Amino acid sequence: MTDERDQYEERGRRTEHEGRRERPGAAARRPEVAGLLLAAGGGRRLGGRPKALLEHRGRLLVERAAGALWAAGCGTVHVVLGAGAEEVRGRARLDGCVLVGNPGWADGMGSSLRAGLASLAGTGARAALVSLVDQPGIGADALSRVCAAYTGASSLVSAAYAGERGHPVLFGSDHWAGIAASATGDRGARAYLREHAGALTLVECADVAEPYDIDTEADLERLE
């Protein structure tokens, strides 16, 4: 296990370093928790600009979000790509990340979640820490808090903002099949989380993150 951890730390050094800019003193590595970044959106309400390629403070959103997952202590980081995937692969610095293609990205976030969870099968990961590329107000601090609530394959954890469930979320591997079966359209895991609300641990993150989305032209002002 130590050799595997060292390998991922070496391969992801540059990307993780970017995440450390946001959060000095990055969290201890958790090899059993995989970061899963959903970055396939086509930005329909942004004139068709892939969200992964938007820039914030001189960095692509996909680089920033992947770096935050490394800094939060994930043992691996899988990035699901869709719209503009070839350009993302060519431009983004995603050293050490596993890039997952989702040809069905236009069907909605559910397809990206299914593709990402499928990519974790057989990797030894026991949980997926899921974040969205279009939420730059959520960084390594919130991710670390949710990751710290992991206790095993049965874990089901969500960030909360003033008590309201939001992102990021952590899915223990016991839940992956059920989440994949219910993830359709843009619903993602919402239906599954509602049905399993009694098992869900909420971790308050309003003091360290802002859960806004970059969805419209007006939202782009937040990136300036």
C-alpha atoms as a PDB file:
ATOM      1  CA  MET A   1       0.000   0.000   0.000  1.00  0.00           C
ATOM      2  CA  THR A   2       2.902   2.347   0.793  1.00  0.00           C
ATOM      3  CA  ASP A   3       4.452   1.767  -2.649  1.00  0.00           C
ATOM      4  CA  GLU A   4       1.124   2.577  -4.327  1.00  0.00           C
ATOM      5  CA  ARG A   5       0.746   5.765  -2.304  1.00  0.00           C
ATOM      6  CA  ASP A   6       4.269   6.891  -3.167  1.00  0.00           C
ATOM      7  CA  GLN A   7       3.645   6.210  -6.853  1.00  0.00           C
ATOM      8  CA  TYR A   8       0.531   8.366  -6.959  1.00  0.00           C
ATOM      9  CA  GLU A   9       2.180  11.151  -4.985  1.00  0.00           C
ATOM     10  CA  GLU A  10       5.075  11.237  -7.443  1.00  0.00           C
ATOM     11  CA  ARG A  11       2.868  11.112 -10.547  1.00  0.00           C
ATOM     12  CA  GLY A  12       0.536  13.787  -9.223  1.00  0.00           C
ATOM     13  CA  ARG A  13       3.202  16.102  -7.775  1.00  0.00           C
ATOM     14  CA  ARG A  14       2.627  19.096 -10.055  1.00  0.00           C
ATOM     15  CA  THR A  15      -1.167  18.908  -9.970  1.00  0.00           C
ATOM     16  CA  GLU A  16      -1.182  18.419  -6.202  1.00  0.00           C
ATOM     17  CA  HIS A  17       1.172  21.359  -5.810  1.00  0.00           C
ATOM     18  CA  GLU A  18      -1.440  23.544  -7.471  1.00  0.00           C
ATOM     19  CA  GLY A  19      -3.989  22.344  -4.922  1.00  0.00           C
ATOM     20  CA  ARG A  20      -1.639  23.205  -2.076  1.00  0.00           C
ATOM     21  CA  ARG A  21      -1.695  26.829  -3.171  1.00  0.00           C
ATOM     22  CA  GLU A  22      -5.285  26.907  -1.986  1.00  0.00           C
ATOM     23  CA  ARG A  23      -4.701  25.071   1.269  1.00  0.00           C
ATOM     24  CA  PRO A  24      -1.272  25.079   2.919  1.00  0.00           C
ATOM     25  CA  GLY A  25      -0.633  21.874   4.825  1.00  0.00           C
ATOM     26  CA  ALA A  26      -2.589  19.486   2.620  1.00  0.00           C
ATOM     27  CA  ALA A  27      -4.434  16.611   4.251  1.00  0.00           C
ATOM     28  CA  ALA A  28      -2.810  13.260   4.901  1.00  0.00           C
ATOM     29  CA  ARG A  29      -3.112  10.842   1.991  1.00  0.00           C
ATOM     30  CA  ARG A  30      -6.091   8.449   2.087  1.00  0.00           C
ATOM     31  CA  PRO A  31      -5.273   5.710  -0.485  1.00  0.00           C
ATOM     32  CA  GLU A  32      -8.684   4.090  -0.079  1.00  0.00           C
ATOM     33  CA  VAL A  33     -10.537   7.289  -1.093  1.00  0.00           C
ATOM     34  CA  ALA A  34     -10.520   8.174  -4.803  1.00  0.00           C
ATOM     35  CA  GLY A  35     -11.272  11.665  -5.988  1.00  0.00           C
ATOM     36  CA  LEU A  36     -13.871  11.750  -8.758  1.00  0.00           C
ATOM     37  CA  LEU A  37     -14.126  15.012 -10.679  1.00  0.00           C
ATOM     38  CA  LEU A  38     -17.085  15.434 -13.034  1.00  0.00           C
ATOM     39  CA  ALA A  39     -15.792  17.747 -15.774  1.00  0.00           C
ATOM     40  CA  ALA A  40     -17.704  16.733 -18.898  1.00  0.00           C
ATOM     41  CA  GLY A  41     -20.244  19.573 -19.160  1.00  0.00           C
ATOM     42  CA  GLY A  42     -20.596  21.425 -22.438  1.00  0.00           C
ATOM     43  CA  GLY A  43     -21.667  24.788 -21.021  1.00  0.00           C
ATOM     44  CA  ARG A  44     -24.867  25.017 -23.076  1.00  0.00           C
ATOM     45  CA  ARG A  45     -25.910  28.242 -21.328  1.00  0.00           C
ATOM     46  CA  LEU A  46     -22.371  29.574 -21.724  1.00  0.00           C
ATOM     47  CA  GLY A  47     -22.446  29.533 -25.494  1.00  0.00           C
ATOM     48  CA  GLY A  48     -21.158  25.982 -25.734  1.00  0.00           C
ATOM     49  CA  ARG A  49     -17.887  26.584 -23.897  1.00  0.00           C
ATOM     50  CA  PRO A  50     -16.776  23.433 -22.050  1.00  0.00           C
ATOM     51  CA  LYS A  51     -16.716  24.228 -18.350  1.00  0.00           C
ATOM     52  CA  ALA A  52     -13.430  22.394 -17.816  1.00  0.00           C
ATOM     53  CA  LEU A  53     -11.682  24.976 -20.010  1.00  0.00           C
ATOM     54  CA  LEU A  54     -12.965  28.082 -18.249  1.00  0.00           C
ATOM     55  CA  GLU A  55     -10.244  29.990 -16.407  1.00  0.00           C
ATOM     56  CA  HIS A  56     -10.183  31.272 -12.842  1.00  0.00           C
ATOM     57  CA  ARG A  57      -7.204  33.185 -11.443  1.00  0.00           C
ATOM     58  CA  GLY A  58      -4.990  32.084 -14.302  1.00  0.00           C
ATOM     59  CA  ARG A  59      -5.830  28.366 -14.110  1.00  0.00           C
ATOM     60  CA  LEU A  60      -8.287  26.142 -15.920  1.00  0.00           C
ATOM     61  CA  LEU A  61     -11.199  25.080 -13.721  1.00  0.00           C
ATOM     62  CA  VAL A  62     -10.380  21.427 -14.327  1.00  0.00           C
ATOM     63  CA  GLU A  63      -6.789  21.914 -13.096  1.00  0.00           C
ATOM     64  CA  ARG A  64      -7.938  23.787 -10.021  1.00  0.00           C
ATOM     65  CA  ALA A  65     -10.573  21.202  -9.110  1.00  0.00           C
ATOM     66  CA  ALA A  66      -8.234  18.235  -9.624  1.00  0.00           C
ATOM     67  CA  GLY A  67      -5.550  19.936  -7.541  1.00  0.00           C
ATOM     68  CA  ALA A  68      -8.039  20.458  -4.713  1.00  0.00           C
ATOM     69  CA  LEU A  69      -8.854  16.731  -4.668  1.00  0.00           C
ATOM     70  CA  TRP A  70      -5.155  15.859  -4.440  1.00  0.00           C
ATOM     71  CA  ALA A  71      -4.690  18.388  -1.637  1.00  0.00           C
ATOM     72  CA  ALA A  72      -7.684  16.935   0.216  1.00  0.00           C
ATOM     73  CA  GLY A  73      -5.796  13.640   0.532  1.00  0.00           C
ATOM     74  CA  CYS A  74      -7.301  11.450  -2.206  1.00  0.00           C
ATOM     75  CA  GLY A  75      -5.180   8.449  -3.136  1.00  0.00           C
ATOM     76  CA  THR A  76      -6.106   8.770  -6.804  1.00  0.00           C
ATOM     77  CA  VAL A  77      -8.022  11.311  -8.860  1.00  0.00           C
ATOM     78  CA  HIS A  78     -10.248  10.282 -11.778  1.00  0.00           C
ATOM     79  CA  VAL A  79     -11.444  13.073 -14.078  1.00  0.00           C
ATOM     80  CA  VAL A  80     -14.476  12.459 -16.302  1.00  0.00           C
ATOM     81  CA  LEU A  81     -14.227  14.365 -19.586  1.00  0.00           C
ATOM     82  CA  GLY A  82     -16.813  14.904 -22.311  1.00  0.00           C
ATOM     83  CA  ALA A  83     -17.283  18.200 -24.148  1.00  0.00           C
ATOM     84  CA  GLY A  84     -13.973  19.408 -25.560  1.00  0.00           C
ATOM     85  CA  ALA A  85     -12.224  16.333 -24.202  1.00  0.00           C
ATOM     86  CA  GLU A  86      -9.365  16.407 -26.704  1.00  0.00           C
ATOM     87  CA  GLU A  87      -8.676  20.074 -26.009  1.00  0.00           C
ATOM     88  CA  VAL A  88      -8.741  19.434 -22.276  1.00  0.00           C
ATOM     89  CA  ARG A  89      -6.277  16.577 -22.688  1.00  0.00           C
ATOM     90  CA  GLY A  90      -4.016  18.828 -24.725  1.00  0.00           C
ATOM     91  CA  ARG A  91      -4.138  21.942 -22.567  1.00  0.00           C
ATOM     92  CA  ALA A  92      -4.754  20.929 -18.976  1.00  0.00           C
ATOM     93  CA  ARG A  93      -2.024  19.913 -16.550  1.00  0.00           C
ATOM     94  CA  LEU A  94      -3.545  16.819 -14.995  1.00  0.00           C
ATOM     95  CA  ASP A  95      -0.408  14.870 -14.144  1.00  0.00           C
ATOM     96  CA  GLY A  96      -1.174  11.678 -12.232  1.00  0.00           C
ATOM     97  CA  CYS A  97      -4.920  11.841 -12.875  1.00  0.00           C
ATOM     98  CA  VAL A  98      -6.847   9.055 -14.576  1.00  0.00           C
ATOM     99  CA  LEU A  99      -8.758  10.615 -17.477  1.00  0.00           C
ATOM    100  CA  VAL A 100     -12.112   8.960 -18.165  1.00  0.00           C
ATOM    101  CA  GLY A 101     -13.941   9.604 -21.429  1.00  0.00           C
ATOM    102  CA  ASN A 102     -17.732   9.898 -21.371  1.00  0.00           C
ATOM    103  CA  PRO A 103     -19.090   9.830 -24.934  1.00  0.00           C
ATOM    104  CA  GLY A 104     -22.614  10.177 -23.526  1.00  0.00           C
ATOM    105  CA  TRP A 105     -21.873  13.423 -21.659  1.00  0.00           C
ATOM    106  CA  ALA A 106     -24.706  15.287 -23.430  1.00  0.00           C
ATOM    107  CA  ASP A 107     -27.219  13.038 -21.631  1.00  0.00           C
ATOM    108  CA  GLY A 108     -26.471  14.849 -18.377  1.00  0.00           C
ATOM    109  CA  MET A 109     -24.429  14.598 -15.206  1.00  0.00           C
ATOM    110  CA  GLY A 110     -25.833  11.178 -14.397  1.00  0.00           C
ATOM    111  CA  SER A 111     -23.933   9.633 -17.306  1.00  0.00           C
ATOM    112  CA  SER A 112     -20.677  11.168 -16.079  1.00  0.00           C
ATOM    113  CA  LEU A 113     -21.262   9.876 -12.571  1.00  0.00           C
ATOM    114  CA  ARG A 114     -21.890   6.382 -13.914  1.00  0.00           C
ATOM    115  CA  ALA A 115     -18.748   6.535 -16.082  1.00  0.00           C
ATOM    116  CA  GLY A 116     -16.667   7.753 -13.173  1.00  0.00           C
ATOM    117  CA  LEU A 117     -17.870   5.094 -10.747  1.00  0.00           C
ATOM    118  CA  ALA A 118     -17.327   2.404 -13.396  1.00  0.00           C
ATOM    119  CA  SER A 119     -13.724   3.589 -13.806  1.00  0.00           C
ATOM    120  CA  LEU A 120     -13.095   2.954 -10.100  1.00  0.00           C
ATOM    121  CA  ALA A 121     -14.135  -0.712 -10.275  1.00  0.00           C
ATOM    122  CA  GLY A 122     -11.197  -2.981  -9.547  1.00  0.00           C
ATOM    123  CA  THR A 123      -8.915  -0.156  -8.396  1.00  0.00           C
ATOM    124  CA  GLY A 124      -9.098  -1.004  -4.706  1.00  0.00           C
ATOM    125  CA  ALA A 125     -10.844   2.265  -3.867  1.00  0.00           C
ATOM    126  CA  ARG A 126     -13.447   1.953  -1.112  1.00  0.00           C
ATOM    127  CA  ALA A 127     -14.977   5.387  -1.527  1.00  0.00           C
ATOM    128  CA  ALA A 128     -15.350   8.130  -4.132  1.00  0.00           C
ATOM    129  CA  LEU A 129     -15.082  11.790  -3.149  1.00  0.00           C
ATOM    130  CA  VAL A 130     -17.112  13.501  -5.872  1.00  0.00           C
ATOM    131  CA  SER A 131     -16.731  17.142  -6.897  1.00  0.00           C
ATOM    132  CA  LEU A 132     -18.000  19.253  -9.801  1.00  0.00           C
ATOM    133  CA  VAL A 133     -15.730  21.243 -12.083  1.00  0.00           C
ATOM    134  CA  ASP A 134     -18.072  24.253 -12.189  1.00  0.00           C
ATOM    135  CA  GLN A 135     -17.964  25.002  -8.447  1.00  0.00           C
ATOM    136  CA  PRO A 136     -14.719  26.967  -7.945  1.00  0.00           C
ATOM    137  CA  GLY A 137     -15.948  28.284  -4.595  1.00  0.00           C
ATOM    138  CA  ILE A 138     -15.489  24.781  -3.164  1.00  0.00           C
ATOM    139  CA  GLY A 139     -11.850  23.978  -2.512  1.00  0.00           C
ATOM    140  CA  ALA A 140      -9.590  21.659  -0.575  1.00  0.00           C
ATOM    141  CA  ASP A 141     -10.875  22.689   2.870  1.00  0.00           C
ATOM    142  CA  ALA A 142     -14.418  21.509   2.218  1.00  0.00           C
ATOM    143  CA  LEU A 143     -13.180  18.413   0.393  1.00  0.00           C
ATOM    144  CA  SER A 144     -10.909  17.540   3.315  1.00  0.00           C
ATOM    145  CA  ARG A 145     -13.761  17.834   5.806  1.00  0.00           C
ATOM    146  CA  VAL A 146     -15.977  15.487   3.824  1.00  0.00           C
ATOM    147  CA  CYS A 147     -13.093  13.071   3.241  1.00  0.00           C
ATOM    148  CA  ALA A 148     -12.327  13.015   6.979  1.00  0.00           C
ATOM    149  CA  ALA A 149     -15.843  11.681   7.655  1.00  0.00           C
ATOM    150  CA  TYR A 150     -15.036   8.485   5.702  1.00  0.00           C
ATOM    151  CA  THR A 151     -15.181   5.381   7.892  1.00  0.00           C
ATOM    152  CA  GLY A 152     -15.460   2.546   5.373  1.00  0.00           C
ATOM    153  CA  ALA A 153     -17.253   1.164   2.325  1.00  0.00           C
ATOM    154  CA  SER A 154     -20.670   1.926   3.840  1.00  0.00           C
ATOM    155  CA  SER A 155     -19.925   5.655   4.252  1.00  0.00           C
ATOM    156  CA  LEU A 156     -22.360   8.150   2.765  1.00  0.00           C
ATOM    157  CA  VAL A 157     -21.307  11.756   3.399  1.00  0.00           C
ATOM    158  CA  SER A 158     -22.276  15.169   2.055  1.00  0.00           C
ATOM    159  CA  ALA A 159     -21.148  18.715   2.619  1.00  0.00           C
ATOM    160  CA  ALA A 160     -23.845  20.977   4.021  1.00  0.00           C
ATOM    161  CA  TYR A 161     -24.360  24.723   3.814  1.00  0.00           C
ATOM    162  CA  ALA A 162     -26.456  26.121   6.656  1.00  0.00           C
ATOM    163  CA  GLY A 163     -27.816  22.602   7.048  1.00  0.00           C
ATOM    164  CA  GLU A 164     -28.699  22.137   3.376  1.00  0.00           C
ATOM    165  CA  ARG A 165     -27.070  19.256   1.489  1.00  0.00           C
ATOM    166  CA  GLY A 166     -24.614  20.192  -1.273  1.00  0.00           C
ATOM    167  CA  HIS A 167     -21.264  19.236  -2.779  1.00  0.00           C
ATOM    168  CA  PRO A 168     -18.825  17.627  -2.400  1.00  0.00           C
ATOM    169  CA  VAL A 169     -20.192  14.191  -1.569  1.00  0.00           C
ATOM    170  CA  LEU A 170     -18.508  10.937  -0.608  1.00  0.00           C
ATOM    171  CA  PHE A 171     -19.904   7.570  -1.652  1.00  0.00           C
ATOM    172  CA  GLY A 172     -18.600   4.398  -0.036  1.00  0.00           C
ATOM    173  CA  SER A 173     -18.271   1.552  -2.526  1.00  0.00           C
ATOM    174  CA  ASP A 174     -21.252  -0.271  -1.004  1.00  0.00           C
ATOM    175  CA  HIS A 175     -23.420   2.444  -2.557  1.00  0.00           C
ATOM    176  CA  TRP A 176     -21.906   2.634  -6.038  1.00  0.00           C
ATOM    177  CA  ALA A 177     -24.207   0.124  -7.746  1.00  0.00           C
ATOM    178  CA  GLY A 178     -27.337   1.752  -6.351  1.00  0.00           C
ATOM    179  CA  ILE A 179     -26.175   5.243  -7.257  1.00  0.00           C
ATOM    180  CA  ALA A 180     -25.263   4.201 -10.805  1.00  0.00           C
ATOM    181  CA  ALA A 181     -28.683   2.576 -11.264  1.00  0.00           C
ATOM    182  CA  SER A 182     -30.512   5.746 -10.246  1.00  0.00           C
ATOM    183  CA  ALA A 183     -28.231   8.342 -11.894  1.00  0.00           C
ATOM    184  CA  THR A 184     -30.130   9.500 -14.979  1.00  0.00           C
ATOM    185  CA  GLY A 185     -30.253  12.834 -16.777  1.00  0.00           C
ATOM    186  CA  ASP A 186     -28.990  15.690 -14.623  1.00  0.00           C
ATOM    187  CA  ARG A 187     -30.229  14.146 -11.391  1.00  0.00           C
ATOM    188  CA  GLY A 188     -26.894  12.624 -10.471  1.00  0.00           C
ATOM    189  CA  ALA A 189     -27.175  10.971  -7.052  1.00  0.00           C
ATOM    190  CA  ARG A 190     -29.972  13.179  -5.718  1.00  0.00           C
ATOM    191  CA  ALA A 191     -32.659  10.484  -5.787  1.00  0.00           C
ATOM    192  CA  TYR A 192     -30.381   7.960  -4.080  1.00  0.00           C
ATOM    193  CA  LEU A 193     -29.402  10.432  -1.360  1.00  0.00           C
ATOM    194  CA  ARG A 194     -33.045  11.259  -0.664  1.00  0.00           C
ATOM    195  CA  GLU A 195     -33.900   7.578  -0.354  1.00  0.00           C
ATOM    196  CA  HIS A 196     -30.961   6.992   2.008  1.00  0.00           C
ATOM    197  CA  ALA A 197     -31.204  10.196   4.009  1.00  0.00           C
ATOM    198  CA  GLY A 198     -31.125   8.239   7.264  1.00  0.00           C
ATOM    199  CA  ALA A 199     -27.651   6.924   6.477  1.00  0.00           C
ATOM    200  CA  LEU A 200     -26.277  10.275   5.293  1.00  0.00           C
ATOM    201  CA  THR A 201     -23.739  12.178   7.369  1.00  0.00           C
ATOM    202  CA  LEU A 202     -23.813  15.948   6.819  1.00  0.00           C
ATOM    203  CA  VAL A 203     -20.611  17.946   7.293  1.00  0.00           C
ATOM    204  CA  GLU A 204     -21.061  21.704   7.621  1.00  0.00           C
ATOM    205  CA  CYS A 205     -18.814  23.624   5.200  1.00  0.00           C
ATOM    206  CA  ALA A 206     -20.394  27.071   4.919  1.00  0.00           C
ATOM    207  CA  ASP A 207     -17.472  28.651   6.774  1.00  0.00           C
ATOM    208  CA  VAL A 208     -14.883  27.397   4.258  1.00  0.00           C
ATOM    209  CA  ALA A 209     -16.677  27.201   0.887  1.00  0.00           C
ATOM    210  CA  GLU A 210     -19.299  28.794  -1.350  1.00  0.00           C
ATOM    211  CA  PRO A 211     -21.435  26.297  -3.314  1.00  0.00           C
ATOM    212  CA  TYR A 212     -22.271  28.424  -6.356  1.00  0.00           C
ATOM    213  CA  ASP A 213     -22.263  27.013  -9.908  1.00  0.00           C
ATOM    214  CA  ILE A 214     -20.891  28.549 -13.101  1.00  0.00           C
ATOM    215  CA  ASP A 215     -23.907  27.977 -15.352  1.00  0.00           C
ATOM    216  CA  THR A 216     -24.719  31.233 -17.133  1.00  0.00           C
ATOM    217  CA  GLU A 217     -22.968  34.207 -18.688  1.00  0.00           C
ATOM    218  CA  ALA A 218     -23.754  36.227 -15.568  1.00  0.00           C
ATOM    219  CA  ASP A 219     -21.992  33.614 -13.428  1.00  0.00           C
ATOM    220  CA  LEU A 220     -18.745  34.233 -15.315  1.00  0.00           C
ATOM    221  CA  GLU A 221     -18.283  37.406 -13.281  1.00  0.00           C
ATOM    222  CA  ARG A 222     -17.348  35.182 -10.351  1.00  0.00           C
ATOM    223  CA  LEU A 223     -14.306  33.978 -12.298  1.00  0.00           C
ATOM    224  CA  GLU A 224     -12.891  37.447 -12.865  1.00  0.00           C
END
